[in-house]
N, C-alpha and C. Protein backbone atom coordinates (compact mmCIF):
# COMPACT_ATOMS: atom_id res chain seq x y z
N UNK A 1 130.33 83.09 81.17
CA UNK A 1 130.53 84.07 82.23
C UNK A 1 129.17 84.42 82.86
N UNK A 2 129.07 84.36 84.19
CA UNK A 2 127.78 84.65 84.83
C UNK A 2 127.40 86.12 84.68
N UNK A 3 126.07 86.35 84.71
CA UNK A 3 125.58 87.73 84.64
C UNK A 3 125.94 88.45 85.94
N UNK A 4 126.21 89.74 85.86
CA UNK A 4 126.52 90.49 87.08
C UNK A 4 125.29 90.62 87.98
N UNK A 5 125.55 90.73 89.28
CA UNK A 5 124.47 90.92 90.24
C UNK A 5 124.29 92.42 90.49
N UNK A 6 123.05 92.84 90.40
CA UNK A 6 122.69 94.24 90.62
C UNK A 6 121.72 94.30 91.79
N UNK A 7 121.78 95.40 92.49
CA UNK A 7 120.79 95.68 93.53
C UNK A 7 119.89 96.76 92.98
N UNK A 8 118.60 96.44 92.95
CA UNK A 8 117.60 97.38 92.46
C UNK A 8 116.84 97.93 93.66
N UNK A 9 116.82 99.24 93.78
CA UNK A 9 116.03 99.89 94.82
C UNK A 9 114.72 100.34 94.19
N UNK A 10 113.61 99.87 94.73
CA UNK A 10 112.28 100.21 94.24
C UNK A 10 111.60 101.08 95.29
N UNK A 11 111.10 102.22 94.86
CA UNK A 11 110.47 103.18 95.77
C UNK A 11 109.17 103.65 95.15
N UNK A 12 108.06 103.48 95.87
CA UNK A 12 106.76 103.91 95.37
C UNK A 12 106.66 105.42 95.46
N UNK A 13 106.15 106.05 94.41
CA UNK A 13 105.98 107.49 94.37
C UNK A 13 104.82 107.92 95.26
N UNK A 14 105.09 108.89 96.15
CA UNK A 14 104.08 109.47 97.04
C UNK A 14 103.08 108.41 97.49
N UNK A 15 103.58 107.29 98.01
CA UNK A 15 102.80 106.08 98.24
C UNK A 15 101.46 106.33 98.95
N UNK A 16 101.50 106.94 100.12
CA UNK A 16 100.27 107.08 100.90
C UNK A 16 99.26 107.94 100.15
N UNK A 17 99.72 109.07 99.62
CA UNK A 17 98.82 109.94 98.86
C UNK A 17 98.29 109.22 97.62
N UNK A 18 99.15 108.44 96.96
CA UNK A 18 98.72 107.72 95.76
C UNK A 18 97.65 106.68 96.09
N UNK A 19 97.79 106.00 97.23
CA UNK A 19 96.77 105.04 97.64
C UNK A 19 95.44 105.76 97.87
N UNK A 20 95.51 106.92 98.52
CA UNK A 20 94.28 107.68 98.77
C UNK A 20 93.63 108.14 97.47
N UNK A 21 94.43 108.56 96.50
CA UNK A 21 93.86 109.00 95.22
C UNK A 21 93.24 107.83 94.47
N UNK A 22 93.83 106.65 94.58
CA UNK A 22 93.22 105.47 93.96
C UNK A 22 91.86 105.18 94.59
N UNK A 23 91.75 105.39 95.89
CA UNK A 23 90.49 105.15 96.60
C UNK A 23 89.46 106.23 96.30
N UNK A 24 89.95 107.42 95.99
CA UNK A 24 89.08 108.58 95.73
C UNK A 24 89.56 109.28 94.46
N UNK A 25 89.23 108.74 93.31
CA UNK A 25 89.74 109.29 92.04
C UNK A 25 89.43 110.76 91.83
N UNK A 26 88.41 111.29 92.47
CA UNK A 26 88.08 112.71 92.32
C UNK A 26 89.18 113.61 92.89
N UNK A 27 90.11 113.05 93.65
CA UNK A 27 91.21 113.83 94.22
C UNK A 27 92.41 113.94 93.27
N UNK A 28 92.36 113.23 92.16
CA UNK A 28 93.47 113.26 91.20
C UNK A 28 93.74 114.70 90.75
N UNK A 29 94.99 115.10 90.84
CA UNK A 29 95.39 116.45 90.42
C UNK A 29 95.24 117.51 91.49
N UNK A 30 94.65 117.15 92.63
CA UNK A 30 94.46 118.10 93.72
C UNK A 30 95.59 117.95 94.74
N UNK A 31 95.86 119.02 95.51
CA UNK A 31 96.84 118.87 96.59
C UNK A 31 96.23 118.04 97.72
N UNK A 32 96.84 116.91 98.01
CA UNK A 32 96.35 115.98 99.03
C UNK A 32 97.41 115.88 100.12
N UNK A 33 96.96 116.02 101.36
CA UNK A 33 97.83 115.90 102.52
C UNK A 33 97.24 114.84 103.44
N UNK A 34 98.04 113.85 103.79
CA UNK A 34 97.59 112.78 104.68
C UNK A 34 98.38 112.88 105.98
N UNK A 35 97.65 112.89 107.09
CA UNK A 35 98.33 112.93 108.37
C UNK A 35 97.35 112.98 109.52
N UNK A 36 97.76 112.40 110.64
CA UNK A 36 96.94 112.41 111.84
C UNK A 36 95.53 111.93 111.57
N UNK A 37 94.56 112.69 112.10
CA UNK A 37 93.16 112.35 111.86
C UNK A 37 92.59 113.14 110.69
N UNK A 38 93.49 113.80 109.94
CA UNK A 38 93.06 114.53 108.76
C UNK A 38 92.51 115.91 109.05
N UNK A 39 92.66 116.37 110.28
CA UNK A 39 92.13 117.67 110.67
C UNK A 39 93.29 118.61 110.96
N UNK A 40 93.52 119.58 110.10
CA UNK A 40 94.67 120.47 110.31
C UNK A 40 94.53 121.40 111.50
N UNK A 41 93.36 121.44 112.13
CA UNK A 41 93.23 122.26 113.34
C UNK A 41 93.68 121.49 114.57
N UNK A 42 93.86 120.18 114.42
CA UNK A 42 94.35 119.34 115.52
C UNK A 42 95.85 119.19 115.43
N UNK A 43 96.42 118.77 116.52
CA UNK A 43 97.85 118.50 116.54
C UNK A 43 98.13 117.23 115.76
N UNK A 44 99.10 117.28 114.87
CA UNK A 44 99.48 116.12 114.06
C UNK A 44 100.49 116.55 113.02
N UNK A 45 101.05 115.57 112.34
CA UNK A 45 102.04 115.86 111.31
C UNK A 45 101.65 115.23 109.99
N UNK A 46 102.22 115.76 108.94
CA UNK A 46 102.00 115.26 107.59
C UNK A 46 102.72 113.92 107.45
N UNK A 47 101.98 112.88 107.07
CA UNK A 47 102.60 111.59 106.75
C UNK A 47 103.14 111.62 105.33
N UNK A 48 102.37 112.19 104.44
CA UNK A 48 102.81 112.38 103.06
C UNK A 48 101.96 113.46 102.42
N UNK A 49 102.50 114.00 101.34
CA UNK A 49 101.78 115.01 100.56
C UNK A 49 101.92 114.64 99.10
N UNK A 50 100.86 114.88 98.36
CA UNK A 50 100.93 114.62 96.91
C UNK A 50 101.89 115.63 96.28
N UNK A 51 102.31 115.34 95.06
CA UNK A 51 103.21 116.26 94.37
C UNK A 51 102.57 117.64 94.24
N UNK A 52 101.26 117.67 94.08
CA UNK A 52 100.56 118.96 93.96
C UNK A 52 100.69 119.77 95.25
N UNK A 53 100.60 119.10 96.41
CA UNK A 53 100.77 119.79 97.69
C UNK A 53 102.23 120.15 97.93
N UNK A 54 103.14 119.32 97.47
CA UNK A 54 104.56 119.60 97.65
C UNK A 54 104.98 120.88 96.92
N UNK A 55 104.28 121.21 95.85
CA UNK A 55 104.59 122.45 95.12
C UNK A 55 104.37 123.68 95.99
N UNK A 56 103.58 123.54 97.05
CA UNK A 56 103.34 124.65 97.98
C UNK A 56 104.28 124.59 99.18
N UNK A 57 105.21 123.65 99.16
CA UNK A 57 106.16 123.54 100.26
C UNK A 57 105.72 122.61 101.37
N UNK A 58 104.67 121.83 101.14
CA UNK A 58 104.20 120.88 102.15
C UNK A 58 105.04 119.62 102.06
N UNK A 59 105.49 119.12 103.20
CA UNK A 59 106.32 117.92 103.20
C UNK A 59 106.09 117.06 104.42
N UNK A 60 106.55 115.83 104.34
CA UNK A 60 106.41 114.87 105.43
C UNK A 60 107.06 115.40 106.70
N UNK A 61 106.40 115.14 107.83
CA UNK A 61 106.92 115.55 109.12
C UNK A 61 106.52 116.96 109.53
N UNK A 62 105.96 117.72 108.61
CA UNK A 62 105.54 119.09 108.88
C UNK A 62 104.26 119.07 109.72
N UNK A 63 104.12 119.98 110.68
CA UNK A 63 102.85 120.06 111.40
C UNK A 63 101.69 120.31 110.43
N UNK A 64 100.56 119.67 110.69
CA UNK A 64 99.39 119.84 109.82
C UNK A 64 98.96 121.30 109.74
N UNK A 65 99.06 122.01 110.84
CA UNK A 65 98.68 123.43 110.84
C UNK A 65 99.54 124.23 109.86
N UNK A 66 100.82 123.94 109.85
CA UNK A 66 101.73 124.62 108.92
C UNK A 66 101.37 124.27 107.49
N UNK A 67 101.07 122.99 107.25
CA UNK A 67 100.68 122.56 105.91
C UNK A 67 99.42 123.29 105.45
N UNK A 68 98.48 123.48 106.36
CA UNK A 68 97.24 124.18 106.01
C UNK A 68 97.51 125.64 105.67
N UNK A 69 98.46 126.26 106.36
CA UNK A 69 98.82 127.65 106.04
C UNK A 69 99.49 127.73 104.68
N UNK A 70 100.37 126.77 104.39
CA UNK A 70 101.09 126.77 103.12
C UNK A 70 100.18 126.44 101.94
N UNK A 71 99.20 125.58 102.18
CA UNK A 71 98.33 125.12 101.09
C UNK A 71 96.89 125.04 101.61
N UNK A 72 96.24 126.20 101.74
CA UNK A 72 94.89 126.21 102.34
C UNK A 72 93.84 125.45 101.54
N UNK A 73 94.07 125.22 100.26
CA UNK A 73 93.09 124.50 99.44
C UNK A 73 93.35 122.99 99.40
N UNK A 74 94.31 122.52 100.17
CA UNK A 74 94.61 121.09 100.18
C UNK A 74 93.46 120.29 100.76
N UNK A 75 93.37 119.06 100.30
CA UNK A 75 92.42 118.10 100.87
C UNK A 75 93.19 117.34 101.95
N UNK A 76 92.74 117.43 103.18
CA UNK A 76 93.39 116.77 104.31
C UNK A 76 92.64 115.47 104.62
N UNK A 77 93.40 114.39 104.71
CA UNK A 77 92.82 113.07 104.96
C UNK A 77 93.50 112.41 106.15
N UNK A 78 92.76 111.58 106.89
CA UNK A 78 93.38 110.86 108.00
C UNK A 78 94.20 109.68 107.50
N UNK A 79 95.14 109.27 108.32
CA UNK A 79 95.94 108.09 108.03
C UNK A 79 95.05 106.85 108.12
N UNK A 80 95.18 105.95 107.15
CA UNK A 80 94.42 104.69 107.15
C UNK A 80 95.42 103.54 106.99
N UNK A 81 96.02 103.17 108.10
CA UNK A 81 97.09 102.17 108.09
C UNK A 81 96.67 100.88 107.40
N UNK A 82 95.47 100.42 107.61
CA UNK A 82 95.02 99.16 107.00
C UNK A 82 95.07 99.25 105.47
N UNK A 83 94.63 100.37 104.92
CA UNK A 83 94.66 100.53 103.46
C UNK A 83 96.09 100.50 102.93
N UNK A 84 97.02 101.12 103.67
CA UNK A 84 98.41 101.16 103.21
C UNK A 84 99.07 99.79 103.38
N UNK A 85 98.72 99.08 104.46
CA UNK A 85 99.22 97.72 104.64
C UNK A 85 98.79 96.84 103.46
N UNK A 86 97.52 96.94 103.08
CA UNK A 86 97.00 96.11 101.99
C UNK A 86 97.65 96.47 100.65
N UNK A 87 97.79 97.75 100.37
CA UNK A 87 98.42 98.17 99.12
C UNK A 87 99.88 97.74 99.09
N UNK A 88 100.57 97.91 100.20
CA UNK A 88 101.97 97.50 100.28
C UNK A 88 102.13 96.00 100.07
N UNK A 89 101.24 95.22 100.66
CA UNK A 89 101.30 93.76 100.50
C UNK A 89 101.17 93.38 99.03
N UNK A 90 100.27 94.06 98.29
CA UNK A 90 100.13 93.77 96.86
C UNK A 90 101.40 94.14 96.09
N UNK A 91 102.01 95.25 96.45
CA UNK A 91 103.25 95.66 95.79
C UNK A 91 104.35 94.64 96.05
N UNK A 92 104.53 94.26 97.31
CA UNK A 92 105.61 93.33 97.65
C UNK A 92 105.36 91.95 97.05
N UNK A 93 104.10 91.54 96.95
CA UNK A 93 103.76 90.28 96.28
C UNK A 93 104.18 90.35 94.81
N UNK A 94 103.96 91.49 94.19
CA UNK A 94 104.36 91.68 92.79
C UNK A 94 105.88 91.60 92.67
N UNK A 95 106.60 92.24 93.57
CA UNK A 95 108.07 92.18 93.52
C UNK A 95 108.56 90.74 93.70
N UNK A 96 107.94 90.02 94.62
CA UNK A 96 108.36 88.63 94.87
C UNK A 96 108.02 87.71 93.70
N UNK A 97 107.10 88.12 92.85
CA UNK A 97 106.75 87.29 91.70
C UNK A 97 107.91 87.17 90.71
N UNK A 98 108.92 88.02 90.84
CA UNK A 98 110.08 87.95 89.96
C UNK A 98 111.06 86.86 90.39
N UNK A 99 110.79 86.20 91.48
CA UNK A 99 111.60 85.08 91.95
C UNK A 99 113.07 85.47 92.12
N UNK A 100 113.28 86.62 92.74
CA UNK A 100 114.61 87.07 93.13
C UNK A 100 114.52 87.49 94.59
N UNK A 101 115.64 87.54 95.29
CA UNK A 101 115.58 87.99 96.69
C UNK A 101 115.04 89.42 96.79
N UNK A 102 114.11 89.62 97.72
CA UNK A 102 113.50 90.93 97.96
C UNK A 102 113.68 91.26 99.44
N UNK A 103 114.22 92.43 99.71
CA UNK A 103 114.35 92.92 101.08
C UNK A 103 113.43 94.14 101.22
N UNK A 104 112.38 93.96 102.00
CA UNK A 104 111.39 95.02 102.19
C UNK A 104 111.92 96.01 103.23
N UNK A 105 111.83 97.30 102.90
CA UNK A 105 112.31 98.34 103.80
C UNK A 105 111.18 99.10 104.47
N UNK A 106 109.98 98.90 104.05
CA UNK A 106 108.83 99.61 104.61
C UNK A 106 107.65 99.44 103.68
N UNK A 107 106.60 100.21 103.93
CA UNK A 107 105.41 100.13 103.08
C UNK A 107 105.75 100.34 101.62
N UNK A 108 106.67 101.25 101.35
CA UNK A 108 106.80 101.74 99.99
C UNK A 108 108.17 101.57 99.35
N UNK A 109 109.02 100.75 99.93
CA UNK A 109 110.30 100.55 99.26
C UNK A 109 110.90 99.19 99.60
N UNK A 110 111.74 98.74 98.65
CA UNK A 110 112.38 97.44 98.80
C UNK A 110 113.63 97.39 97.92
N UNK A 111 114.52 96.47 98.28
CA UNK A 111 115.67 96.14 97.44
C UNK A 111 115.41 94.79 96.79
N UNK A 112 115.89 94.64 95.56
CA UNK A 112 115.82 93.36 94.86
C UNK A 112 117.23 93.03 94.37
N UNK A 113 117.68 91.80 94.57
CA UNK A 113 118.98 91.35 94.06
C UNK A 113 118.74 90.64 92.74
N UNK A 114 119.35 91.15 91.69
CA UNK A 114 119.03 90.69 90.34
C UNK A 114 120.30 90.32 89.59
N UNK A 115 120.32 89.16 88.98
CA UNK A 115 121.41 88.78 88.09
C UNK A 115 120.97 89.06 86.67
N UNK A 116 121.57 90.08 86.06
CA UNK A 116 121.17 90.48 84.71
C UNK A 116 122.27 91.30 84.07
N UNK A 117 122.28 91.28 82.75
CA UNK A 117 123.19 92.15 82.01
C UNK A 117 122.55 93.50 81.72
N UNK A 118 121.25 93.62 81.98
CA UNK A 118 120.53 94.84 81.66
C UNK A 118 119.62 95.26 82.82
N UNK A 119 120.20 95.89 83.85
CA UNK A 119 119.38 96.26 85.01
C UNK A 119 118.29 97.28 84.68
N UNK A 120 118.51 98.13 83.70
CA UNK A 120 117.49 99.11 83.35
C UNK A 120 116.26 98.42 82.74
N UNK A 121 116.48 97.41 81.92
CA UNK A 121 115.35 96.69 81.34
C UNK A 121 114.59 95.94 82.43
N UNK A 122 115.33 95.32 83.36
CA UNK A 122 114.68 94.62 84.46
C UNK A 122 113.86 95.61 85.30
N UNK A 123 114.44 96.77 85.58
CA UNK A 123 113.73 97.79 86.35
C UNK A 123 112.45 98.21 85.63
N UNK A 124 112.51 98.33 84.34
CA UNK A 124 111.32 98.67 83.56
C UNK A 124 110.25 97.62 83.69
N UNK A 125 110.65 96.35 83.69
CA UNK A 125 109.69 95.26 83.87
C UNK A 125 109.04 95.32 85.26
N UNK A 126 109.86 95.65 86.26
CA UNK A 126 109.35 95.76 87.63
C UNK A 126 108.35 96.90 87.72
N UNK A 127 108.70 98.06 87.19
CA UNK A 127 107.80 99.21 87.25
C UNK A 127 106.47 98.90 86.53
N UNK A 128 106.57 98.26 85.38
CA UNK A 128 105.36 97.91 84.63
C UNK A 128 104.50 96.91 85.40
N UNK A 129 105.12 95.93 86.03
CA UNK A 129 104.38 94.92 86.78
C UNK A 129 103.69 95.55 87.99
N UNK A 130 104.39 96.43 88.69
CA UNK A 130 103.78 97.09 89.86
C UNK A 130 102.61 97.95 89.41
N UNK A 131 102.79 98.71 88.34
CA UNK A 131 101.71 99.55 87.83
C UNK A 131 100.51 98.70 87.40
N UNK A 132 100.79 97.61 86.70
CA UNK A 132 99.72 96.74 86.20
C UNK A 132 98.94 96.08 87.34
N UNK A 133 99.64 95.65 88.38
CA UNK A 133 98.97 94.91 89.46
C UNK A 133 98.38 95.80 90.54
N UNK A 134 98.87 97.04 90.66
CA UNK A 134 98.40 97.88 91.76
C UNK A 134 97.92 99.27 91.33
N UNK A 135 98.22 99.67 90.11
CA UNK A 135 97.95 101.02 89.60
C UNK A 135 98.77 102.08 90.33
N UNK A 136 99.85 101.66 90.99
CA UNK A 136 100.75 102.58 91.68
C UNK A 136 102.04 102.71 90.88
N UNK A 137 102.57 103.92 90.84
CA UNK A 137 103.83 104.17 90.15
C UNK A 137 104.99 104.01 91.12
N UNK A 138 106.11 103.54 90.58
CA UNK A 138 107.31 103.46 91.40
C UNK A 138 108.49 103.93 90.56
N UNK A 139 109.54 104.27 91.25
CA UNK A 139 110.79 104.60 90.57
C UNK A 139 111.82 103.59 91.03
N UNK A 140 112.91 103.52 90.31
CA UNK A 140 113.92 102.53 90.65
C UNK A 140 115.30 103.05 90.29
N UNK A 141 116.27 102.51 91.01
CA UNK A 141 117.67 102.81 90.73
C UNK A 141 118.44 101.52 90.93
N UNK A 142 119.51 101.35 90.19
CA UNK A 142 120.29 100.12 90.31
C UNK A 142 121.74 100.47 90.62
N UNK A 143 122.38 99.56 91.31
CA UNK A 143 123.80 99.71 91.64
C UNK A 143 124.36 98.36 92.01
N UNK A 144 125.64 98.33 92.30
CA UNK A 144 126.28 97.07 92.64
C UNK A 144 126.19 96.74 94.12
N UNK A 145 125.75 97.71 94.94
CA UNK A 145 125.52 97.47 96.37
C UNK A 145 124.23 98.16 96.76
N UNK A 146 123.72 97.84 97.95
CA UNK A 146 122.47 98.47 98.39
C UNK A 146 122.66 99.93 98.74
N UNK A 147 123.89 100.38 98.91
CA UNK A 147 124.13 101.80 99.22
C UNK A 147 124.07 102.67 97.97
N UNK A 148 124.48 102.16 96.85
CA UNK A 148 124.57 102.98 95.64
C UNK A 148 123.23 103.35 95.02
N UNK A 149 122.22 102.47 95.00
CA UNK A 149 121.00 102.87 94.30
C UNK A 149 120.01 103.67 95.14
N UNK A 150 120.29 103.92 96.42
CA UNK A 150 119.29 104.49 97.31
C UNK A 150 118.83 105.89 96.93
N UNK A 151 119.60 106.66 96.23
CA UNK A 151 119.26 108.06 96.03
C UNK A 151 119.13 108.41 94.56
N UNK A 152 118.03 107.99 93.93
CA UNK A 152 117.85 108.40 92.54
C UNK A 152 117.67 109.91 92.49
N UNK A 153 118.16 110.55 91.45
CA UNK A 153 118.01 112.00 91.37
C UNK A 153 116.56 112.41 91.31
N UNK A 154 116.29 113.64 91.70
CA UNK A 154 114.93 114.16 91.71
C UNK A 154 114.31 114.04 90.32
N UNK A 155 115.12 114.15 89.29
CA UNK A 155 114.58 114.06 87.92
C UNK A 155 114.00 112.68 87.63
N UNK A 156 114.30 111.70 88.48
CA UNK A 156 113.77 110.36 88.26
C UNK A 156 112.34 110.22 88.76
N UNK A 157 111.80 111.24 89.41
CA UNK A 157 110.44 111.17 89.93
C UNK A 157 109.51 111.93 89.03
N UNK A 158 108.31 111.52 88.89
CA UNK A 158 107.78 110.23 89.30
C UNK A 158 108.04 109.15 88.26
N UNK A 159 107.99 107.94 88.70
CA UNK A 159 108.06 106.75 87.84
C UNK A 159 109.28 106.72 86.95
N UNK A 160 110.43 107.09 87.50
CA UNK A 160 111.64 107.11 86.70
C UNK A 160 112.59 105.97 87.02
N UNK A 161 113.65 105.92 86.26
CA UNK A 161 114.67 104.89 86.45
C UNK A 161 116.04 105.51 86.30
N UNK A 162 116.92 105.18 87.22
CA UNK A 162 118.30 105.60 87.08
C UNK A 162 119.18 104.37 87.19
N UNK A 163 120.29 104.39 86.53
CA UNK A 163 121.17 103.23 86.58
C UNK A 163 122.54 103.57 87.02
């Protein structure tokens, strides 16, 4: 009997902020907000916020000025598309190394079609490989269609797995 096919949704945790923290390790544990030119006095929006900044209510799409009011001690950084393109390429290369179909959805997420009896174990291998090759954490969810795994519960973050 053939192994069942599962769809694994892989989503990088706070991808843009995580890339910035890897580039600047001194920012680890600090509230980091990435958006616009990194100046909260200018017009722009939050591209992403670290979990530390999110605790103050800062979120993607929020005006930078609002983010600065909510979290005045945050470190504001400009968007660096090239750095995120490069990090994303390394992640997607890692996913493709599993020799299964990969559908990329953006910088920080993808679907993988996997034939396995144990999707949770496969997801664990994927998370470990991404962490090992990029030092970035990801979470994953599995389902029988691409619609079912898209919404892992909040408790699955960071670096969690739901099945």
